[in-house]
Amino acid sequence: MNPLDPNSLLTHLGPAAVLVVMFAETGLLIGIFLPGDSLLFTAGLLTTTGVHLSLPLTLVFPPLGAVAGAQVGYLIGRRAGPSFVDRPDRPRLARLAERSRRQLESYGVGRAVVLARFIPGVRTVIPIVIEVLQHRRRDESRSDGSPSRER
């Protein structure tokens, strides 16, 4: 099984491949290298042809994996992030973190989370960055499940 080939993943794991890849892509830093978008497209195509994936499972597993992965990303950011950013030997990283904090405050955390769902590399790191910058978790988890209005 080739973990970078959507057809191979879907053939061997079925709809569970979508769950696993979406979880890893949104919550674990290794997810940047996984074929999330092409896997979703291929899974949709294979529900009617080829492997014949279960349509209900193919519809339920991607959001379930994405929300669960984002929650794990928040936990990783909360535990490891602040000590990583606050190190005195990394002044450039501290400046970038402050700039990111200002951007998130001006545009809103909810908007960042929703827009990050559509950008492959950003979708992996945004939960971690938000927790590193110590924003309230309540706002982000509300934005994961459903879009909310900015105040």
N, C-alpha and C. Protein backbone atom coordinates (compact mmCIF):
# COMPACT_ATOMS: atom_id res chain seq x y z
N MET A 1 0.84 -1.18 0.00
CA MET A 1 0.00 0.00 0.00
C MET A 1 0.89 1.24 0.00
N ASN A 2 0.59 2.16 -0.89
CA ASN A 2 1.32 3.42 -0.99
C ASN A 2 0.51 4.51 -0.29
N PRO A 3 1.00 5.09 0.83
CA PRO A 3 0.21 6.08 1.56
C PRO A 3 0.05 7.41 0.82
N LEU A 4 0.78 7.62 -0.25
CA LEU A 4 0.66 8.86 -1.01
C LEU A 4 -0.20 8.71 -2.24
N ASP A 5 -0.72 7.51 -2.50
CA ASP A 5 -1.56 7.25 -3.66
C ASP A 5 -3.02 7.09 -3.22
N PRO A 6 -3.90 8.00 -3.63
CA PRO A 6 -5.30 7.91 -3.20
C PRO A 6 -5.98 6.60 -3.57
N ASN A 7 -5.73 6.09 -4.77
CA ASN A 7 -6.36 4.84 -5.19
C ASN A 7 -5.93 3.68 -4.30
N SER A 8 -4.64 3.64 -3.98
CA SER A 8 -4.13 2.58 -3.12
C SER A 8 -4.74 2.66 -1.72
N LEU A 9 -4.81 3.86 -1.18
CA LEU A 9 -5.41 4.03 0.15
C LEU A 9 -6.87 3.60 0.17
N LEU A 10 -7.63 4.02 -0.82
CA LEU A 10 -9.05 3.68 -0.85
C LEU A 10 -9.29 2.20 -1.12
N THR A 11 -8.43 1.59 -1.92
CA THR A 11 -8.58 0.17 -2.20
C THR A 11 -8.32 -0.67 -0.95
N HIS A 12 -7.29 -0.30 -0.18
CA HIS A 12 -6.93 -1.09 0.99
C HIS A 12 -7.74 -0.75 2.24
N LEU A 13 -8.06 0.52 2.45
CA LEU A 13 -8.73 0.93 3.69
C LEU A 13 -10.19 1.32 3.52
N GLY A 14 -10.62 1.53 2.29
CA GLY A 14 -12.00 1.94 2.05
C GLY A 14 -12.26 3.34 2.60
N PRO A 15 -13.48 3.60 3.05
CA PRO A 15 -13.81 4.93 3.56
C PRO A 15 -13.00 5.32 4.79
N ALA A 16 -12.45 4.35 5.52
CA ALA A 16 -11.63 4.66 6.69
C ALA A 16 -10.37 5.43 6.28
N ALA A 17 -9.93 5.26 5.04
CA ALA A 17 -8.77 6.01 4.56
C ALA A 17 -9.04 7.50 4.57
N VAL A 18 -10.26 7.89 4.24
CA VAL A 18 -10.64 9.30 4.24
C VAL A 18 -10.60 9.84 5.66
N LEU A 19 -11.12 9.07 6.60
CA LEU A 19 -11.11 9.47 8.00
C LEU A 19 -9.69 9.65 8.51
N VAL A 20 -8.83 8.68 8.25
CA VAL A 20 -7.45 8.72 8.74
C VAL A 20 -6.67 9.87 8.11
N VAL A 21 -6.79 10.04 6.82
CA VAL A 21 -6.03 11.09 6.13
C VAL A 21 -6.52 12.47 6.55
N MET A 22 -7.82 12.66 6.66
CA MET A 22 -8.32 13.96 7.09
C MET A 22 -7.92 14.25 8.53
N PHE A 23 -7.90 13.25 9.38
CA PHE A 23 -7.44 13.43 10.76
C PHE A 23 -5.97 13.85 10.78
N ALA A 24 -5.14 13.13 10.03
CA ALA A 24 -3.71 13.44 10.02
C ALA A 24 -3.43 14.78 9.35
N GLU A 25 -4.20 15.09 8.32
CA GLU A 25 -3.95 16.33 7.58
C GLU A 25 -4.34 17.56 8.38
N THR A 26 -5.33 17.46 9.25
CA THR A 26 -5.76 18.63 10.00
C THR A 26 -5.18 18.69 11.41
N GLY A 27 -4.66 17.59 11.93
CA GLY A 27 -4.21 17.61 13.30
C GLY A 27 -2.76 17.29 13.54
N LEU A 28 -2.15 16.56 12.66
CA LEU A 28 -0.76 16.16 12.86
C LEU A 28 0.10 16.84 11.82
N LEU A 29 1.27 17.25 12.19
CA LEU A 29 2.13 17.97 11.25
C LEU A 29 2.59 17.12 10.07
N ILE A 30 2.51 15.79 10.18
CA ILE A 30 2.87 14.94 9.05
C ILE A 30 1.82 14.98 7.96
N GLY A 31 0.65 15.53 8.27
CA GLY A 31 -0.44 15.57 7.31
C GLY A 31 -0.21 16.45 6.11
N ILE A 32 0.80 17.31 6.17
CA ILE A 32 1.09 18.19 5.03
C ILE A 32 1.40 17.37 3.78
N PHE A 33 1.97 16.21 3.97
CA PHE A 33 2.42 15.40 2.83
C PHE A 33 1.36 14.43 2.33
N LEU A 34 0.23 14.35 2.96
CA LEU A 34 -0.80 13.39 2.57
C LEU A 34 -1.73 13.96 1.50
N PRO A 35 -2.31 13.09 0.68
CA PRO A 35 -3.15 13.55 -0.45
C PRO A 35 -4.60 13.79 -0.06
N GLY A 36 -4.86 14.72 0.83
CA GLY A 36 -6.22 14.94 1.32
C GLY A 36 -7.21 15.36 0.26
N ASP A 37 -6.90 16.40 -0.50
CA ASP A 37 -7.84 16.89 -1.50
C ASP A 37 -8.07 15.88 -2.62
N SER A 38 -6.99 15.31 -3.12
CA SER A 38 -7.16 14.33 -4.20
C SER A 38 -7.83 13.06 -3.68
N LEU A 39 -7.62 12.73 -2.41
CA LEU A 39 -8.29 11.56 -1.83
C LEU A 39 -9.80 11.79 -1.74
N LEU A 40 -10.20 12.99 -1.37
CA LEU A 40 -11.64 13.30 -1.31
C LEU A 40 -12.28 13.21 -2.69
N PHE A 41 -11.60 13.76 -3.68
CA PHE A 41 -12.13 13.70 -5.05
C PHE A 41 -12.22 12.25 -5.51
N THR A 42 -11.16 11.48 -5.29
CA THR A 42 -11.14 10.09 -5.71
C THR A 42 -12.20 9.27 -4.97
N ALA A 43 -12.38 9.54 -3.68
CA ALA A 43 -13.40 8.82 -2.92
C ALA A 43 -14.79 9.11 -3.47
N GLY A 44 -15.04 10.37 -3.81
CA GLY A 44 -16.32 10.72 -4.40
C GLY A 44 -16.54 10.02 -5.73
N LEU A 45 -15.49 9.93 -6.52
CA LEU A 45 -15.59 9.26 -7.82
C LEU A 45 -15.81 7.76 -7.64
N LEU A 46 -15.11 7.16 -6.67
CA LEU A 46 -15.20 5.72 -6.49
C LEU A 46 -16.47 5.26 -5.78
N THR A 47 -17.26 6.19 -5.27
CA THR A 47 -18.54 5.76 -4.70
C THR A 47 -19.49 5.25 -5.79
N THR A 48 -19.26 5.68 -7.02
CA THR A 48 -20.12 5.23 -8.12
C THR A 48 -19.44 4.26 -9.06
N THR A 49 -18.12 4.23 -9.07
CA THR A 49 -17.39 3.34 -9.98
C THR A 49 -16.24 2.67 -9.25
N GLY A 50 -15.66 1.69 -9.84
CA GLY A 50 -14.43 1.08 -9.32
C GLY A 50 -14.62 0.32 -8.02
N VAL A 51 -14.15 0.89 -6.93
CA VAL A 51 -14.13 0.21 -5.64
C VAL A 51 -15.50 0.15 -4.99
N HIS A 52 -16.40 1.03 -5.36
CA HIS A 52 -17.75 1.11 -4.81
C HIS A 52 -17.72 1.33 -3.30
N LEU A 53 -17.28 2.50 -2.90
CA LEU A 53 -17.26 2.88 -1.49
C LEU A 53 -18.67 3.19 -1.01
N SER A 54 -18.89 3.04 0.26
CA SER A 54 -20.18 3.36 0.86
C SER A 54 -20.38 4.87 0.86
N LEU A 55 -21.45 5.34 0.24
CA LEU A 55 -21.72 6.78 0.16
C LEU A 55 -21.95 7.40 1.54
N PRO A 56 -22.78 6.79 2.42
CA PRO A 56 -22.96 7.41 3.73
C PRO A 56 -21.66 7.55 4.52
N LEU A 57 -20.83 6.51 4.51
CA LEU A 57 -19.55 6.59 5.22
C LEU A 57 -18.61 7.60 4.58
N THR A 58 -18.64 7.69 3.26
CA THR A 58 -17.79 8.64 2.55
C THR A 58 -18.23 10.08 2.84
N LEU A 59 -19.49 10.28 3.13
CA LEU A 59 -19.98 11.62 3.47
C LEU A 59 -19.74 11.98 4.94
N VAL A 60 -19.75 10.99 5.83
CA VAL A 60 -19.63 11.26 7.27
C VAL A 60 -18.17 11.32 7.72
N PHE A 61 -17.31 10.48 7.17
CA PHE A 61 -15.94 10.38 7.65
C PHE A 61 -15.07 11.62 7.44
N PRO A 62 -15.13 12.33 6.31
CA PRO A 62 -14.24 13.50 6.16
C PRO A 62 -14.45 14.59 7.22
N PRO A 63 -15.67 15.05 7.46
CA PRO A 63 -15.80 16.08 8.50
C PRO A 63 -15.47 15.55 9.89
N LEU A 64 -15.79 14.28 10.14
CA LEU A 64 -15.47 13.69 11.44
C LEU A 64 -13.96 13.67 11.67
N GLY A 65 -13.20 13.23 10.66
CA GLY A 65 -11.75 13.21 10.77
C GLY A 65 -11.15 14.60 10.87
N ALA A 66 -11.71 15.55 10.12
CA ALA A 66 -11.18 16.91 10.13
C ALA A 66 -11.39 17.59 11.49
N VAL A 67 -12.57 17.45 12.06
CA VAL A 67 -12.85 18.08 13.36
C VAL A 67 -12.04 17.41 14.47
N ALA A 68 -11.96 16.08 14.45
CA ALA A 68 -11.17 15.38 15.47
C ALA A 68 -9.69 15.72 15.33
N GLY A 69 -9.20 15.79 14.10
CA GLY A 69 -7.80 16.16 13.89
C GLY A 69 -7.49 17.58 14.33
N ALA A 70 -8.41 18.49 14.09
CA ALA A 70 -8.22 19.88 14.52
C ALA A 70 -8.16 19.96 16.04
N GLN A 71 -8.98 19.17 16.73
CA GLN A 71 -8.94 19.19 18.19
C GLN A 71 -7.61 18.67 18.71
N VAL A 72 -7.06 17.65 18.06
CA VAL A 72 -5.73 17.16 18.44
C VAL A 72 -4.67 18.22 18.14
N GLY A 73 -4.81 18.93 17.03
CA GLY A 73 -3.89 20.03 16.73
C GLY A 73 -3.93 21.12 17.77
N TYR A 74 -5.14 21.44 18.27
CA TYR A 74 -5.25 22.42 19.34
C TYR A 74 -4.51 21.94 20.59
N LEU A 75 -4.66 20.66 20.93
CA LEU A 75 -3.97 20.13 22.10
C LEU A 75 -2.46 20.16 21.94
N ILE A 76 -1.98 19.82 20.75
CA ILE A 76 -0.54 19.87 20.49
C ILE A 76 -0.04 21.31 20.63
N GLY A 77 -0.76 22.24 20.07
CA GLY A 77 -0.37 23.64 20.17
C GLY A 77 -0.40 24.15 21.59
N ARG A 78 -1.38 23.72 22.36
CA ARG A 78 -1.49 24.17 23.75
C ARG A 78 -0.34 23.64 24.59
N ARG A 79 0.03 22.39 24.37
CA ARG A 79 1.07 21.77 25.20
C ARG A 79 2.48 22.17 24.78
N ALA A 80 2.76 22.14 23.49
CA ALA A 80 4.14 22.35 23.03
C ALA A 80 4.41 23.76 22.52
N GLY A 81 3.38 24.48 22.14
CA GLY A 81 3.57 25.75 21.47
C GLY A 81 4.18 26.88 22.25
N PRO A 82 3.61 27.25 23.39
CA PRO A 82 4.13 28.43 24.09
C PRO A 82 5.60 28.31 24.47
N SER A 83 6.04 27.14 24.91
CA SER A 83 7.45 26.99 25.27
C SER A 83 8.34 27.08 24.03
N PHE A 84 7.81 26.71 22.88
CA PHE A 84 8.58 26.78 21.64
C PHE A 84 8.74 28.23 21.17
N VAL A 85 7.68 29.02 21.27
CA VAL A 85 7.70 30.39 20.79
C VAL A 85 8.42 31.32 21.77
N ASP A 86 8.31 31.05 23.07
CA ASP A 86 8.86 31.95 24.08
C ASP A 86 10.35 31.75 24.35
N ARG A 87 11.03 30.95 23.57
CA ARG A 87 12.46 30.73 23.80
C ARG A 87 13.25 31.98 23.45
N PRO A 88 14.18 32.38 24.31
CA PRO A 88 14.93 33.62 24.06
C PRO A 88 15.91 33.53 22.89
N ASP A 89 16.28 32.33 22.50
CA ASP A 89 17.22 32.20 21.38
C ASP A 89 16.54 32.26 20.01
N ARG A 90 15.24 32.55 19.99
CA ARG A 90 14.49 32.65 18.73
C ARG A 90 13.72 33.96 18.64
N PRO A 91 14.42 35.08 18.52
CA PRO A 91 13.71 36.36 18.47
C PRO A 91 12.87 36.54 17.21
N ARG A 92 13.32 35.98 16.10
CA ARG A 92 12.55 36.11 14.86
C ARG A 92 11.21 35.38 14.96
N LEU A 93 11.23 34.21 15.57
CA LEU A 93 10.00 33.45 15.76
C LEU A 93 9.03 34.21 16.66
N ALA A 94 9.54 34.87 17.69
CA ALA A 94 8.69 35.67 18.57
C ALA A 94 8.06 36.84 17.81
N ARG A 95 8.84 37.47 16.92
CA ARG A 95 8.28 38.57 16.11
C ARG A 95 7.20 38.06 15.16
N LEU A 96 7.43 36.91 14.54
CA LEU A 96 6.42 36.33 13.65
C LEU A 96 5.16 35.93 14.41
N ALA A 97 5.34 35.41 15.62
CA ALA A 97 4.18 35.04 16.43
C ALA A 97 3.36 36.27 16.79
N GLU A 98 4.02 37.37 17.12
CA GLU A 98 3.30 38.59 17.46
C GLU A 98 2.56 39.13 16.23
N ARG A 99 3.20 39.06 15.09
CA ARG A 99 2.54 39.51 13.84
C ARG A 99 1.31 38.64 13.54
N SER A 100 1.46 37.33 13.72
CA SER A 100 0.33 36.42 13.51
C SER A 100 -0.79 36.70 14.49
N ARG A 101 -0.44 36.98 15.74
CA ARG A 101 -1.45 37.29 16.75
C ARG A 101 -2.25 38.53 16.35
N ARG A 102 -1.57 39.56 15.86
CA ARG A 102 -2.26 40.77 15.43
C ARG A 102 -3.18 40.49 14.25
N GLN A 103 -2.73 39.68 13.30
CA GLN A 103 -3.56 39.33 12.14
C GLN A 103 -4.81 38.56 12.57
N LEU A 104 -4.63 37.60 13.46
CA LEU A 104 -5.79 36.83 13.93
C LEU A 104 -6.77 37.70 14.69
N GLU A 105 -6.26 38.64 15.47
CA GLU A 105 -7.15 39.53 16.21
C GLU A 105 -7.91 40.47 15.27
N SER A 106 -7.25 40.93 14.23
CA SER A 106 -7.92 41.88 13.34
C SER A 106 -8.93 41.20 12.40
N TYR A 107 -8.62 40.01 11.92
CA TYR A 107 -9.52 39.34 10.98
C TYR A 107 -10.44 38.32 11.64
N GLY A 108 -10.12 37.87 12.82
CA GLY A 108 -10.97 36.92 13.53
C GLY A 108 -10.48 35.49 13.39
N VAL A 109 -10.51 34.79 14.49
CA VAL A 109 -10.06 33.40 14.53
C VAL A 109 -11.01 32.49 13.76
N GLY A 110 -12.30 32.74 13.89
CA GLY A 110 -13.28 31.91 13.17
C GLY A 110 -13.10 31.97 11.67
N ARG A 111 -12.86 33.16 11.16
CA ARG A 111 -12.64 33.32 9.72
C ARG A 111 -11.36 32.58 9.29
N ALA A 112 -10.32 32.66 10.11
CA ALA A 112 -9.06 31.98 9.78
C ALA A 112 -9.25 30.47 9.72
N VAL A 113 -10.00 29.93 10.68
CA VAL A 113 -10.21 28.49 10.71
C VAL A 113 -11.02 28.03 9.50
N VAL A 114 -12.08 28.75 9.18
CA VAL A 114 -12.93 28.35 8.05
C VAL A 114 -12.17 28.47 6.74
N LEU A 115 -11.44 29.56 6.53
CA LEU A 115 -10.68 29.72 5.29
C LEU A 115 -9.54 28.72 5.20
N ALA A 116 -8.95 28.34 6.32
CA ALA A 116 -7.84 27.38 6.32
C ALA A 116 -8.29 26.00 5.84
N ARG A 117 -9.56 25.69 5.97
CA ARG A 117 -10.06 24.39 5.49
C ARG A 117 -9.84 24.21 3.99
N PHE A 118 -9.69 25.29 3.26
CA PHE A 118 -9.57 25.22 1.80
C PHE A 118 -8.15 25.39 1.30
N ILE A 119 -7.18 25.54 2.19
CA ILE A 119 -5.78 25.70 1.79
C ILE A 119 -4.98 24.56 2.41
N PRO A 120 -4.49 23.61 1.59
CA PRO A 120 -3.91 22.38 2.13
C PRO A 120 -2.81 22.56 3.19
N GLY A 121 -1.80 23.34 2.98
CA GLY A 121 -0.75 23.47 3.99
C GLY A 121 -1.19 24.21 5.23
N VAL A 122 -2.04 25.19 5.05
CA VAL A 122 -2.51 26.01 6.17
C VAL A 122 -3.45 25.23 7.05
N ARG A 123 -4.26 24.36 6.46
CA ARG A 123 -5.22 23.57 7.23
C ARG A 123 -4.52 22.69 8.26
N THR A 124 -3.27 22.33 8.01
CA THR A 124 -2.52 21.50 8.94
C THR A 124 -2.01 22.30 10.13
N VAL A 125 -1.57 23.52 9.92
CA VAL A 125 -0.91 24.26 10.99
C VAL A 125 -1.80 25.26 11.72
N ILE A 126 -2.94 25.64 11.17
CA ILE A 126 -3.73 26.70 11.80
C ILE A 126 -4.22 26.34 13.20
N PRO A 127 -4.67 25.11 13.50
CA PRO A 127 -5.07 24.83 14.88
C PRO A 127 -3.91 24.96 15.86
N ILE A 128 -2.74 24.53 15.44
CA ILE A 128 -1.56 24.59 16.29
C ILE A 128 -1.17 26.04 16.53
N VAL A 129 -1.16 26.84 15.47
CA VAL A 129 -0.79 28.25 15.59
C VAL A 129 -1.77 28.99 16.49
N ILE A 130 -3.05 28.70 16.34
CA ILE A 130 -4.05 29.38 17.17
C ILE A 130 -3.83 29.09 18.65
N GLU A 131 -3.57 27.84 18.98
CA GLU A 131 -3.34 27.51 20.38
C GLU A 131 -1.99 28.05 20.87
N VAL A 132 -1.00 28.07 20.00
CA VAL A 132 0.29 28.66 20.40
C VAL A 132 0.08 30.12 20.77
N LEU A 133 -0.74 30.79 20.03
CA LEU A 133 -1.01 32.20 20.30
C LEU A 133 -2.04 32.39 21.41
N GLN A 134 -2.47 31.29 22.00
CA GLN A 134 -3.32 31.27 23.18
C GLN A 134 -4.65 32.00 23.00
N HIS A 135 -5.31 31.70 21.92
CA HIS A 135 -6.67 32.21 21.74
C HIS A 135 -7.63 31.28 22.46
N ARG A 136 -8.79 31.75 22.69
CA ARG A 136 -9.78 30.94 23.39
C ARG A 136 -10.22 29.78 22.51
N ARG A 137 -10.19 28.60 23.06
CA ARG A 137 -10.52 27.40 22.32
C ARG A 137 -11.99 27.33 21.96
N ARG A 138 -12.82 27.91 22.76
CA ARG A 138 -14.27 27.86 22.51
C ARG A 138 -14.61 28.43 21.14
N ASP A 139 -13.95 29.52 20.74
CA ASP A 139 -14.23 30.14 19.45
C ASP A 139 -13.84 29.23 18.30
N GLU A 140 -12.70 28.56 18.39
CA GLU A 140 -12.22 27.74 17.30
C GLU A 140 -13.07 26.48 17.13
N SER A 141 -13.44 25.84 18.23
CA SER A 141 -14.20 24.61 18.08
C SER A 141 -15.60 24.90 17.54
N ARG A 142 -16.16 26.07 17.83
CA ARG A 142 -17.44 26.43 17.23
C ARG A 142 -17.26 26.63 15.72
N SER A 143 -16.12 27.16 15.30
CA SER A 143 -15.89 27.40 13.88
C SER A 143 -15.59 26.11 13.12
N ASP A 144 -15.09 25.09 13.81
CA ASP A 144 -14.81 23.82 13.13
C ASP A 144 -16.08 23.14 12.69
N GLY A 145 -17.07 23.11 13.57
CA GLY A 145 -18.29 22.38 13.27
C GLY A 145 -19.20 23.09 12.31
N SER A 146 -19.31 24.39 12.45
CA SER A 146 -20.17 25.15 11.56
C SER A 146 -19.69 26.58 11.50
N PRO A 147 -19.87 27.22 10.37
CA PRO A 147 -19.43 28.61 10.26
C PRO A 147 -20.22 29.49 11.21
N SER A 148 -19.55 30.43 11.82
CA SER A 148 -20.23 31.34 12.72
C SER A 148 -20.01 32.78 12.25
N ARG A 149 -20.89 33.66 12.71
CA ARG A 149 -20.74 35.06 12.33
C ARG A 149 -19.66 35.70 13.16
N GLU A 150 -18.90 36.58 12.54
CA GLU A 150 -17.91 37.37 13.25
C GLU A 150 -18.61 38.49 13.96
N ARG A 151 -18.16 38.82 15.15
CA ARG A 151 -18.76 39.93 15.89
C ARG A 151 -18.04 41.21 15.60
